[in-house]
């Protein structure tokens, strides 16, 4: 598949992931949703491991999972712990916020990753990156003003704080991904496989605690959108890695195209969840997308 088409399809499925998440957690218990969504991903990867073990070469090389040492497993367990913390914050926030506001905020992840790279990796931003960050921040302010019209005040809404916390932790995960894939030499399939398995194990005690009523909690309803969370993310990531395999693919452009997921989620929120539409919100969303694209291209 041409890498541009793969990138755009990846963005589409990332948007479906956001919409599936919103549908799954709306008026539903969050922790069981997290657990069962990751169980679905784990089943897929365990099946891939079984095929690789019984039929060597039976799957494309991109799906080959390497053997790991105990220390390498610990590194991927840490990756899972970081992602788990990010997802717990984000899922609770998405449950309580319109997806047309939550998705654009989550899309600011590359900007926070850039900040992390400046601090941790001592990287120096280009003029385009600085411009992209400034546009994103201005658009974020515009989104906060648009949200205030819906009664969502960014400076005192705790779910906005949860979402920002989840997005910041997600940026840490991206920096750690660069370390794992770049410096440590892990393959994408190996990372995706084991962090999915460890995520299910990390969410298992929380699911048990929910089941045994260790704390006040909401009722859980199984919805097929839980399976949609898992499948949409698996397909989006697979298409993303497939795009990067092309010798002509530019990482910055692939990442920029994936920001189109925000527009998919924004439109879906208006159509499927009856969220309020207004021009200030639309312009803020477009501004965030444009700012992130400039940041990534820089």
C-alpha atoms as a PDB file:
ATOM      1  CA  UNK A   1       0.000   0.000   0.000  1.00  0.00           C
ATOM      2  CA  UNK A   2       1.370   3.520  -0.822  1.00  0.00           C
ATOM      3  CA  UNK A   3       2.640   5.157   2.353  1.00  0.00           C
ATOM      4  CA  UNK A   4       0.437   8.245   1.974  1.00  0.00           C
ATOM      5  CA  UNK A   5      -2.685   6.088   1.706  1.00  0.00           C
ATOM      6  CA  UNK A   6      -1.551   4.008   4.689  1.00  0.00           C
ATOM      7  CA  UNK A   7      -0.998   7.187   6.739  1.00  0.00           C
ATOM      8  CA  UNK A   8      -4.426   8.595   5.909  1.00  0.00           C
ATOM      9  CA  UNK A   9      -6.111   5.280   6.694  1.00  0.00           C
ATOM     10  CA  UNK A  10      -4.220   5.184   9.978  1.00  0.00           C
ATOM     11  CA  UNK A  11      -5.620   8.631  10.808  1.00  0.00           C
ATOM     12  CA  UNK A  12      -9.127   7.427   9.969  1.00  0.00           C
ATOM     13  CA  UNK A  13      -8.824   4.434  12.309  1.00  0.00           C
ATOM     14  CA  UNK A  14      -7.347   6.612  15.061  1.00  0.00           C
ATOM     15  CA  UNK A  15     -10.466   8.745  14.771  1.00  0.00           C
ATOM     16  CA  UNK A  16     -12.594   5.600  15.024  1.00  0.00           C
ATOM     17  CA  UNK A  17     -10.570   4.672  18.124  1.00  0.00           C
ATOM     18  CA  UNK A  18     -11.517   7.996  19.757  1.00  0.00           C
ATOM     19  CA  UNK A  19     -15.176   7.530  18.847  1.00  0.00           C
ATOM     20  CA  UNK A  20     -15.198   3.908  20.045  1.00  0.00           C
ATOM     21  CA  UNK A  21     -13.634   5.004  23.330  1.00  0.00           C
ATOM     22  CA  UNK A  22     -16.296   7.672  23.845  1.00  0.00           C
ATOM     23  CA  UNK A  23     -19.115   5.228  23.069  1.00  0.00           C
ATOM     24  CA  UNK A  24     -17.666   2.511  25.307  1.00  0.00           C
ATOM     25  CA  UNK A  25     -17.134   4.666  28.417  1.00  0.00           C
ATOM     26  CA  UNK A  26     -20.216   6.889  28.155  1.00  0.00           C
ATOM     27  CA  UNK A  27     -22.412   6.101  31.178  1.00  0.00           C
ATOM     28  CA  UNK A  28     -20.273   3.039  31.802  1.00  0.00           C
ATOM     29  CA  UNK A  29     -17.598   1.825  34.237  1.00  0.00           C
ATOM     30  CA  UNK A  30     -14.178   2.824  32.863  1.00  0.00           C
ATOM     31  CA  UNK A  31     -11.866   0.227  34.408  1.00  0.00           C
ATOM     32  CA  UNK A  32     -13.639  -2.852  32.977  1.00  0.00           C
ATOM     33  CA  UNK A  33     -13.675  -1.134  29.576  1.00  0.00           C
ATOM     34  CA  UNK A  34      -9.903  -0.657  29.783  1.00  0.00           C
ATOM     35  CA  UNK A  35      -9.383  -4.243  30.881  1.00  0.00           C
ATOM     36  CA  UNK A  36     -11.551  -5.918  28.232  1.00  0.00           C
ATOM     37  CA  UNK A  37     -10.252  -3.672  25.423  1.00  0.00           C
ATOM     38  CA  UNK A  38      -6.712  -4.745  26.275  1.00  0.00           C
ATOM     39  CA  UNK A  39      -7.739  -8.377  26.635  1.00  0.00           C
ATOM     40  CA  UNK A  40      -8.945  -8.214  23.031  1.00  0.00           C
ATOM     41  CA  UNK A  41      -5.567  -6.816  21.922  1.00  0.00           C
ATOM     42  CA  UNK A  42      -3.756  -9.436  23.977  1.00  0.00           C
ATOM     43  CA  UNK A  43      -5.725 -12.265  22.347  1.00  0.00           C
ATOM     44  CA  UNK A  44      -4.696 -10.961  18.918  1.00  0.00           C
ATOM     45  CA  UNK A  45      -1.008 -10.797  19.855  1.00  0.00           C
ATOM     46  CA  UNK A  46      -1.031 -14.172  21.618  1.00  0.00           C
ATOM     47  CA  UNK A  47      -2.471 -15.631  18.424  1.00  0.00           C
ATOM     48  CA  UNK A  48       0.339 -14.025  16.437  1.00  0.00           C
ATOM     49  CA  UNK A  49       2.896 -15.427  18.890  1.00  0.00           C
ATOM     50  CA  UNK A  50       1.363 -18.884  18.495  1.00  0.00           C
ATOM     51  CA  UNK A  51       1.528 -18.702  14.697  1.00  0.00           C
ATOM     52  CA  UNK A  52       5.132 -17.485  14.785  1.00  0.00           C
ATOM     53  CA  UNK A  53       6.037 -20.388  17.093  1.00  0.00           C
ATOM     54  CA  UNK A  54       4.261 -23.127  15.126  1.00  0.00           C
ATOM     55  CA  UNK A  55       4.630 -21.859  11.557  1.00  0.00           C
ATOM     56  CA  UNK A  56       7.945 -19.966  11.262  1.00  0.00           C
ATOM     57  CA  UNK A  57       7.753 -17.495   8.413  1.00  0.00           C
ATOM     58  CA  UNK A  58       4.002 -17.878   8.171  1.00  0.00           C
ATOM     59  CA  UNK A  59       3.403 -14.196   8.881  1.00  0.00           C
ATOM     60  CA  UNK A  60       4.905 -11.033   7.357  1.00  0.00           C
ATOM     61  CA  UNK A  61       8.235  -9.948   8.920  1.00  0.00           C
ATOM     62  CA  UNK A  62       6.569  -6.834  10.347  1.00  0.00           C
ATOM     63  CA  UNK A  63       4.593  -9.148  12.700  1.00  0.00           C
ATOM     64  CA  UNK A  64       7.639 -11.103  13.920  1.00  0.00           C
ATOM     65  CA  UNK A  65       8.118 -10.813  17.700  1.00  0.00           C
ATOM     66  CA  UNK A  66      11.670 -11.207  18.983  1.00  0.00           C
ATOM     67  CA  UNK A  67      12.741 -13.257  22.004  1.00  0.00           C
ATOM     68  CA  UNK A  68      13.604 -11.067  24.996  1.00  0.00           C
ATOM     69  CA  UNK A  69      15.780 -11.199  28.080  1.00  0.00           C
ATOM     70  CA  UNK A  70      14.379 -10.642  31.566  1.00  0.00           C
ATOM     71  CA  UNK A  71      15.761  -7.100  31.581  1.00  0.00           C
ATOM     72  CA  UNK A  72      14.119  -6.329  28.253  1.00  0.00           C
ATOM     73  CA  UNK A  73      10.796  -7.594  29.568  1.00  0.00           C
ATOM     74  CA  UNK A  74      11.161  -5.171  32.491  1.00  0.00           C
ATOM     75  CA  UNK A  75      11.747  -2.332  30.035  1.00  0.00           C
ATOM     76  CA  UNK A  76       8.519  -3.158  28.232  1.00  0.00           C
ATOM     77  CA  UNK A  77       6.690  -3.580  31.536  1.00  0.00           C
ATOM     78  CA  UNK A  78       7.700   0.007  32.346  1.00  0.00           C
ATOM     79  CA  UNK A  79       6.345   1.064  28.953  1.00  0.00           C
ATOM     80  CA  UNK A  80       3.033  -0.612  29.841  1.00  0.00           C
ATOM     81  CA  UNK A  81       2.902   1.114  33.228  1.00  0.00           C
ATOM     82  CA  UNK A  82       3.379   4.522  31.594  1.00  0.00           C
ATOM     83  CA  UNK A  83       0.658   3.827  29.026  1.00  0.00           C
ATOM     84  CA  UNK A  84      -1.676   2.464  31.720  1.00  0.00           C
ATOM     85  CA  UNK A  85      -1.373   5.685  33.731  1.00  0.00           C
ATOM     86  CA  UNK A  86      -2.000   7.753  30.596  1.00  0.00           C
ATOM     87  CA  UNK A  87      -5.042   5.724  29.567  1.00  0.00           C
ATOM     88  CA  UNK A  88      -6.662   5.731  33.012  1.00  0.00           C
ATOM     89  CA  UNK A  89      -6.518   9.534  33.069  1.00  0.00           C
ATOM     90  CA  UNK A  90      -7.617   9.899  29.444  1.00  0.00           C
ATOM     91  CA  UNK A  91     -10.493   7.399  29.545  1.00  0.00           C
ATOM     92  CA  UNK A  92     -12.062   8.942  32.650  1.00  0.00           C
ATOM     93  CA  UNK A  93     -11.749  12.352  30.986  1.00  0.00           C
ATOM     94  CA  UNK A  94     -13.235  11.194  27.664  1.00  0.00           C
ATOM     95  CA  UNK A  95     -16.169   9.715  29.566  1.00  0.00           C
ATOM     96  CA  UNK A  96     -17.006  13.113  31.035  1.00  0.00           C
ATOM     97  CA  UNK A  97     -16.104  15.451  28.169  1.00  0.00           C
ATOM     98  CA  UNK A  98     -17.446  15.917  24.625  1.00  0.00           C
ATOM     99  CA  UNK A  99     -15.248  14.029  22.183  1.00  0.00           C
ATOM    100  CA  UNK A 100     -15.173  17.169  20.001  1.00  0.00           C
ATOM    101  CA  UNK A 101     -13.185  18.800  22.817  1.00  0.00           C
ATOM    102  CA  UNK A 102     -11.310  15.771  24.146  1.00  0.00           C
ATOM    103  CA  UNK A 103      -9.903  14.614  20.784  1.00  0.00           C
ATOM    104  CA  UNK A 104      -8.247  17.961  19.916  1.00  0.00           C
ATOM    105  CA  UNK A 105      -6.661  18.157  23.368  1.00  0.00           C
ATOM    106  CA  UNK A 106      -5.290  14.628  23.001  1.00  0.00           C
ATOM    107  CA  UNK A 107      -3.950  15.613  19.580  1.00  0.00           C
ATOM    108  CA  UNK A 108      -1.611  18.142  21.238  1.00  0.00           C
ATOM    109  CA  UNK A 109       0.593  15.216  22.314  1.00  0.00           C
ATOM    110  CA  UNK A 110       3.346  15.949  19.733  1.00  0.00           C
ATOM    111  CA  UNK A 111       3.724  19.465  21.140  1.00  0.00           C
ATOM    112  CA  UNK A 112       4.321  18.143  24.661  1.00  0.00           C
ATOM    113  CA  UNK A 113       6.680  15.538  23.223  1.00  0.00           C
ATOM    114  CA  UNK A 114       8.657  18.376  21.664  1.00  0.00           C
ATOM    115  CA  UNK A 115       8.867  20.100  25.034  1.00  0.00           C
ATOM    116  CA  UNK A 116      10.088  16.849  26.563  1.00  0.00           C
ATOM    117  CA  UNK A 117      12.702  16.456  23.846  1.00  0.00           C
ATOM    118  CA  UNK A 118      13.938  19.986  24.576  1.00  0.00           C
ATOM    119  CA  UNK A 119      14.284  19.238  28.274  1.00  0.00           C
ATOM    120  CA  UNK A 120      15.404  15.594  28.292  1.00  0.00           C
ATOM    121  CA  UNK A 121      17.246  15.247  24.984  1.00  0.00           C
ATOM    122  CA  UNK A 122      18.513  18.850  24.774  1.00  0.00           C
ATOM    123  CA  UNK A 123      17.095  19.195  21.261  1.00  0.00           C
ATOM    124  CA  UNK A 124      16.752  22.663  19.717  1.00  0.00           C
ATOM    125  CA  UNK A 125      13.482  23.639  18.024  1.00  0.00           C
ATOM    126  CA  UNK A 126      13.378  25.036  14.512  1.00  0.00           C
ATOM    127  CA  UNK A 127      11.520  28.226  13.654  1.00  0.00           C
ATOM    128  CA  UNK A 128       8.714  26.124  12.153  1.00  0.00           C
ATOM    129  CA  UNK A 129       8.405  24.087  15.346  1.00  0.00           C
ATOM    130  CA  UNK A 130       8.214  27.267  17.419  1.00  0.00           C
ATOM    131  CA  UNK A 131       5.543  28.638  15.068  1.00  0.00           C
ATOM    132  CA  UNK A 132       3.598  25.390  15.330  1.00  0.00           C
ATOM    133  CA  UNK A 133       3.726  25.455  19.126  1.00  0.00           C
ATOM    134  CA  UNK A 134       2.514  29.053  19.251  1.00  0.00           C
ATOM    135  CA  UNK A 135      -0.387  28.325  16.870  1.00  0.00           C
ATOM    136  CA  UNK A 136      -1.314  25.246  18.923  1.00  0.00           C
ATOM    137  CA  UNK A 137      -1.306  27.216  22.180  1.00  0.00           C
ATOM    138  CA  UNK A 138      -3.445  30.006  20.691  1.00  0.00           C
ATOM    139  CA  UNK A 139      -5.867  27.430  19.237  1.00  0.00           C
ATOM    140  CA  UNK A 140      -5.940  25.650  22.610  1.00  0.00           C
ATOM    141  CA  UNK A 141      -6.966  28.947  24.217  1.00  0.00           C
ATOM    142  CA  UNK A 142      -9.662  29.294  21.557  1.00  0.00           C
ATOM    143  CA  UNK A 143     -10.884  25.782  22.312  1.00  0.00           C
ATOM    144  CA  UNK A 144     -11.098  26.638  26.008  1.00  0.00           C
ATOM    145  CA  UNK A 145     -13.241  29.688  25.199  1.00  0.00           C
ATOM    146  CA  UNK A 146     -15.469  27.566  22.946  1.00  0.00           C
ATOM    147  CA  UNK A 147     -15.755  24.981  25.714  1.00  0.00           C
ATOM    148  CA  UNK A 148     -16.794  27.665  28.194  1.00  0.00           C
ATOM    149  CA  UNK A 149     -19.868  28.260  26.039  1.00  0.00           C
ATOM    150  CA  UNK A 150     -20.824  24.643  26.781  1.00  0.00           C
ATOM    151  CA  UNK A 151     -20.208  25.072  30.493  1.00  0.00           C
ATOM    152  CA  UNK A 152     -16.741  23.448  30.372  1.00  0.00           C
ATOM    153  CA  UNK A 153     -14.312  25.855  32.044  1.00  0.00           C
ATOM    154  CA  UNK A 154     -10.790  24.590  31.402  1.00  0.00           C
ATOM    155  CA  UNK A 155      -9.228  26.222  34.463  1.00  0.00           C
ATOM    156  CA  UNK A 156     -11.567  24.557  36.954  1.00  0.00           C
ATOM    157  CA  UNK A 157     -12.869  21.417  35.243  1.00  0.00           C
ATOM    158  CA  UNK A 158     -11.098  18.424  36.786  1.00  0.00           C
ATOM    159  CA  UNK A 159     -11.651  16.269  33.693  1.00  0.00           C
ATOM    160  CA  UNK A 160      -9.684  18.748  31.595  1.00  0.00           C
ATOM    161  CA  UNK A 161      -6.915  18.270  34.179  1.00  0.00           C
ATOM    162  CA  UNK A 162      -7.216  14.493  33.849  1.00  0.00           C
ATOM    163  CA  UNK A 163      -7.032  14.760  30.051  1.00  0.00           C
ATOM    164  CA  UNK A 164      -4.007  17.051  30.139  1.00  0.00           C
ATOM    165  CA  UNK A 165      -2.358  14.700  32.626  1.00  0.00           C
ATOM    166  CA  UNK A 166      -3.032  11.706  30.375  1.00  0.00           C
ATOM    167  CA  UNK A 167      -1.727  13.608  27.341  1.00  0.00           C
ATOM    168  CA  UNK A 168       1.462  14.649  29.165  1.00  0.00           C
ATOM    169  CA  UNK A 169       2.095  11.098  30.351  1.00  0.00           C
ATOM    170  CA  UNK A 170       1.446   9.965  26.780  1.00  0.00           C
ATOM    171  CA  UNK A 171       4.179  12.348  25.635  1.00  0.00           C
ATOM    172  CA  UNK A 172       6.535  10.670  28.108  1.00  0.00           C
ATOM    173  CA  UNK A 173       5.553   7.346  26.541  1.00  0.00           C
ATOM    174  CA  UNK A 174       6.494   8.651  23.083  1.00  0.00           C
ATOM    175  CA  UNK A 175       9.924   9.741  24.341  1.00  0.00           C
ATOM    176  CA  UNK A 176      10.382   6.312  25.917  1.00  0.00           C
ATOM    177  CA  UNK A 177       9.324   4.730  22.605  1.00  0.00           C
ATOM    178  CA  UNK A 178      12.145   6.622  20.903  1.00  0.00           C
ATOM    179  CA  UNK A 179      14.522   5.170  23.482  1.00  0.00           C
ATOM    180  CA  UNK A 180      13.200   1.614  23.054  1.00  0.00           C
ATOM    181  CA  UNK A 181      12.991   1.606  19.266  1.00  0.00           C
ATOM    182  CA  UNK A 182      16.010   3.790  18.547  1.00  0.00           C
ATOM    183  CA  UNK A 183      18.627   3.144  21.190  1.00  0.00           C
ATOM    184  CA  UNK A 184      17.619  -0.292  22.470  1.00  0.00           C
ATOM    185  CA  UNK A 185      16.786  -1.747  19.049  1.00  0.00           C
ATOM    186  CA  UNK A 186      13.346  -3.213  19.790  1.00  0.00           C
ATOM    187  CA  UNK A 187      11.154  -3.893  16.768  1.00  0.00           C
ATOM    188  CA  UNK A 188       7.739  -2.247  16.590  1.00  0.00           C
ATOM    189  CA  UNK A 189       5.915  -5.602  16.712  1.00  0.00           C
ATOM    190  CA  UNK A 190       7.872  -6.689  19.794  1.00  0.00           C
ATOM    191  CA  UNK A 191       7.033  -3.508  21.657  1.00  0.00           C
ATOM    192  CA  UNK A 192       3.375  -3.532  20.624  1.00  0.00           C
ATOM    193  CA  UNK A 193       2.950  -7.219  21.451  1.00  0.00           C
ATOM    194  CA  UNK A 194       4.428  -7.257  24.939  1.00  0.00           C
ATOM    195  CA  UNK A 195       3.172  -3.900  26.086  1.00  0.00           C
ATOM    196  CA  UNK A 196      -0.356  -5.029  25.107  1.00  0.00           C
ATOM    197  CA  UNK A 197       0.046  -8.229  27.126  1.00  0.00           C
ATOM    198  CA  UNK A 198       1.461  -6.401  30.140  1.00  0.00           C
ATOM    199  CA  UNK A 199      -1.277  -3.764  29.943  1.00  0.00           C
ATOM    200  CA  UNK A 200      -3.932  -6.461  30.331  1.00  0.00           C
ATOM    201  CA  UNK A 201      -2.054  -7.846  33.338  1.00  0.00           C
ATOM    202  CA  UNK A 202      -1.744  -4.377  34.907  1.00  0.00           C
ATOM    203  CA  UNK A 203      -5.456  -3.682  34.459  1.00  0.00           C
ATOM    204  CA  UNK A 204      -6.445  -7.098  35.850  1.00  0.00           C
ATOM    205  CA  UNK A 205      -6.128  -6.107  39.570  1.00  0.00           C
ATOM    206  CA  UNK A 206      -8.152  -2.958  38.880  1.00  0.00           C
ATOM    207  CA  UNK A 207     -10.846  -5.012  37.156  1.00  0.00           C
ATOM    208  CA  UNK A 208     -10.896  -7.448  40.098  1.00  0.00           C
ATOM    209  CA  UNK A 209     -11.150  -4.543  42.546  1.00  0.00           C
ATOM    210  CA  UNK A 210     -14.049  -3.137  40.553  1.00  0.00           C
ATOM    211  CA  UNK A 211     -15.778  -6.542  40.526  1.00  0.00           C
ATOM    212  CA  UNK A 212     -15.348  -7.022  44.283  1.00  0.00           C
ATOM    213  CA  UNK A 213     -16.539  -3.461  45.003  1.00  0.00           C
ATOM    214  CA  UNK A 214     -13.371  -2.343  46.753  1.00  0.00           C
ATOM    215  CA  UNK A 215     -14.515   1.217  46.019  1.00  0.00           C
ATOM    216  CA  UNK A 216     -17.750   2.915  44.921  1.00  0.00           C
ATOM    217  CA  UNK A 217     -18.117   2.299  41.216  1.00  0.00           C
ATOM    218  CA  UNK A 218     -20.455   2.479  38.230  1.00  0.00           C
ATOM    219  CA  UNK A 219     -22.246  -0.426  36.586  1.00  0.00           C
ATOM    220  CA  UNK A 220     -20.491  -2.056  33.640  1.00  0.00           C
ATOM    221  CA  UNK A 221     -22.293  -2.797  30.369  1.00  0.00           C
ATOM    222  CA  UNK A 222     -20.607  -4.773  27.610  1.00  0.00           C
ATOM    223  CA  UNK A 223     -20.622  -2.866  24.343  1.00  0.00           C
ATOM    224  CA  UNK A 224     -19.199  -3.936  21.024  1.00  0.00           C
ATOM    225  CA  UNK A 225     -17.401  -0.600  20.835  1.00  0.00           C
ATOM    226  CA  UNK A 226     -14.992  -2.081  23.424  1.00  0.00           C
ATOM    227  CA  UNK A 227     -13.865  -4.503  20.740  1.00  0.00           C
ATOM    228  CA  UNK A 228     -13.802  -1.525  18.379  1.00  0.00           C
ATOM    229  CA  UNK A 229     -11.284   0.231  20.652  1.00  0.00           C
ATOM    230  CA  UNK A 230      -8.905  -2.691  20.371  1.00  0.00           C
ATOM    231  CA  UNK A 231      -9.312  -3.366  16.661  1.00  0.00           C
ATOM    232  CA  UNK A 232      -9.206   0.300  15.622  1.00  0.00           C
ATOM    233  CA  UNK A 233      -5.972   0.877  17.548  1.00  0.00           C
ATOM    234  CA  UNK A 234      -4.379  -2.324  16.247  1.00  0.00           C
ATOM    235  CA  UNK A 235      -5.229  -1.435  12.640  1.00  0.00           C
ATOM    236  CA  UNK A 236      -4.149   2.205  13.070  1.00  0.00           C
ATOM    237  CA  UNK A 237      -0.779   1.190  14.495  1.00  0.00           C
ATOM    238  CA  UNK A 238      -0.252  -1.524  11.872  1.00  0.00           C
ATOM    239  CA  UNK A 239      -0.946   0.947   9.050  1.00  0.00           C
ATOM    240  CA  UNK A 240       1.365   3.466  10.725  1.00  0.00           C
ATOM    241  CA  UNK A 241       4.234   0.981  10.877  1.00  0.00           C
ATOM    242  CA  UNK A 242       3.462  -0.176   7.326  1.00  0.00           C
ATOM    243  CA  UNK A 243       3.732   3.421   6.117  1.00  0.00           C
ATOM    244  CA  UNK A 244       7.086   3.842   7.838  1.00  0.00           C
ATOM    245  CA  UNK A 245       8.418   0.734   6.078  1.00  0.00           C
ATOM    246  CA  UNK A 246       8.322   2.530   2.724  1.00  0.00           C
ATOM    247  CA  UNK A 247      11.773   3.882   1.740  1.00  0.00           C
ATOM    248  CA  UNK A 248      10.065   7.011   0.357  1.00  0.00           C
ATOM    249  CA  UNK A 249       8.053   7.730   3.524  1.00  0.00           C
ATOM    250  CA  UNK A 250       8.908  10.799   5.574  1.00  0.00           C
ATOM    251  CA  UNK A 251       8.297  10.303   9.288  1.00  0.00           C
ATOM    252  CA  UNK A 252       7.294  13.940   9.742  1.00  0.00           C
ATOM    253  CA  UNK A 253       4.658  13.702   7.003  1.00  0.00           C
ATOM    254  CA  UNK A 254       3.317  10.375   8.256  1.00  0.00           C
ATOM    255  CA  UNK A 255       2.908  11.842  11.749  1.00  0.00           C
ATOM    256  CA  UNK A 256       1.258  14.949  10.312  1.00  0.00           C
ATOM    257  CA  UNK A 257      -1.249  12.951   8.294  1.00  0.00           C
ATOM    258  CA  UNK A 258      -2.178  11.003  11.435  1.00  0.00           C
ATOM    259  CA  UNK A 259      -3.298  14.265  13.071  1.00  0.00           C
ATOM    260  CA  UNK A 260      -6.284  14.068  10.711  1.00  0.00           C
ATOM    261  CA  UNK A 261      -7.780  11.687  13.271  1.00  0.00           C
ATOM    262  CA  UNK A 262      -8.872  14.788  15.190  1.00  0.00           C
ATOM    263  CA  UNK A 263     -11.152  15.839  12.348  1.00  0.00           C
ATOM    264  CA  UNK A 264     -12.659  12.338  12.170  1.00  0.00           C
ATOM    265  CA  UNK A 265     -13.368  12.335  15.921  1.00  0.00           C
ATOM    266  CA  UNK A 266     -14.664  15.921  15.853  1.00  0.00           C
ATOM    267  CA  UNK A 267     -17.100  15.172  13.017  1.00  0.00           C
ATOM    268  CA  UNK A 268     -18.163  11.877  14.579  1.00  0.00           C
ATOM    269  CA  UNK A 269     -18.873  13.607  17.887  1.00  0.00           C
ATOM    270  CA  UNK A 270     -21.265  15.975  16.149  1.00  0.00           C
ATOM    271  CA  UNK A 271     -23.006  13.236  14.134  1.00  0.00           C
ATOM    272  CA  UNK A 272     -23.157  10.276  16.529  1.00  0.00           C
ATOM    273  CA  UNK A 273     -23.214  11.908  19.961  1.00  0.00           C
ATOM    274  CA  UNK A 274     -25.195  15.048  19.141  1.00  0.00           C
ATOM    275  CA  UNK A 275     -22.484  17.340  20.476  1.00  0.00           C
ATOM    276  CA  UNK A 276     -22.883  21.061  20.011  1.00  0.00           C
ATOM    277  CA  UNK A 277     -21.415  22.626  16.891  1.00  0.00           C
ATOM    278  CA  UNK A 278     -20.103  26.177  16.747  1.00  0.00           C
ATOM    279  CA  UNK A 279     -17.659  27.985  14.496  1.00  0.00           C
ATOM    280  CA  UNK A 280     -15.207  28.979  17.277  1.00  0.00           C
ATOM    281  CA  UNK A 281     -14.791  25.307  18.209  1.00  0.00           C
ATOM    282  CA  UNK A 282     -14.234  24.312  14.566  1.00  0.00           C
ATOM    283  CA  UNK A 283     -11.616  27.022  14.012  1.00  0.00           C
ATOM    284  CA  UNK A 284      -9.881  26.033  17.255  1.00  0.00           C
ATOM    285  CA  UNK A 285      -9.761  22.393  16.135  1.00  0.00           C
ATOM    286  CA  UNK A 286      -8.368  23.364  12.724  1.00  0.00           C
ATOM    287  CA  UNK A 287      -5.823  25.594  14.451  1.00  0.00           C
ATOM    288  CA  UNK A 288      -4.665  22.755  16.693  1.00  0.00           C
ATOM    289  CA  UNK A 289      -4.293  20.447  13.688  1.00  0.00           C
ATOM    290  CA  UNK A 290      -2.358  23.102  11.746  1.00  0.00           C
ATOM    291  CA  UNK A 291      -0.107  23.845  14.715  1.00  0.00           C
ATOM    292  CA  UNK A 292       0.675  20.190  15.319  1.00  0.00           C
ATOM    293  CA  UNK A 293       1.400  19.653  11.603  1.00  0.00           C
ATOM    294  CA  UNK A 294       3.891  22.555  11.646  1.00  0.00           C
ATOM    295  CA  UNK A 295       5.440  21.216  14.856  1.00  0.00           C
ATOM    296  CA  UNK A 296       5.922  17.757  13.360  1.00  0.00           C
ATOM    297  CA  UNK A 297       7.151  19.063   9.992  1.00  0.00           C
ATOM    298  CA  UNK A 298       9.651  21.343  11.697  1.00  0.00           C
END
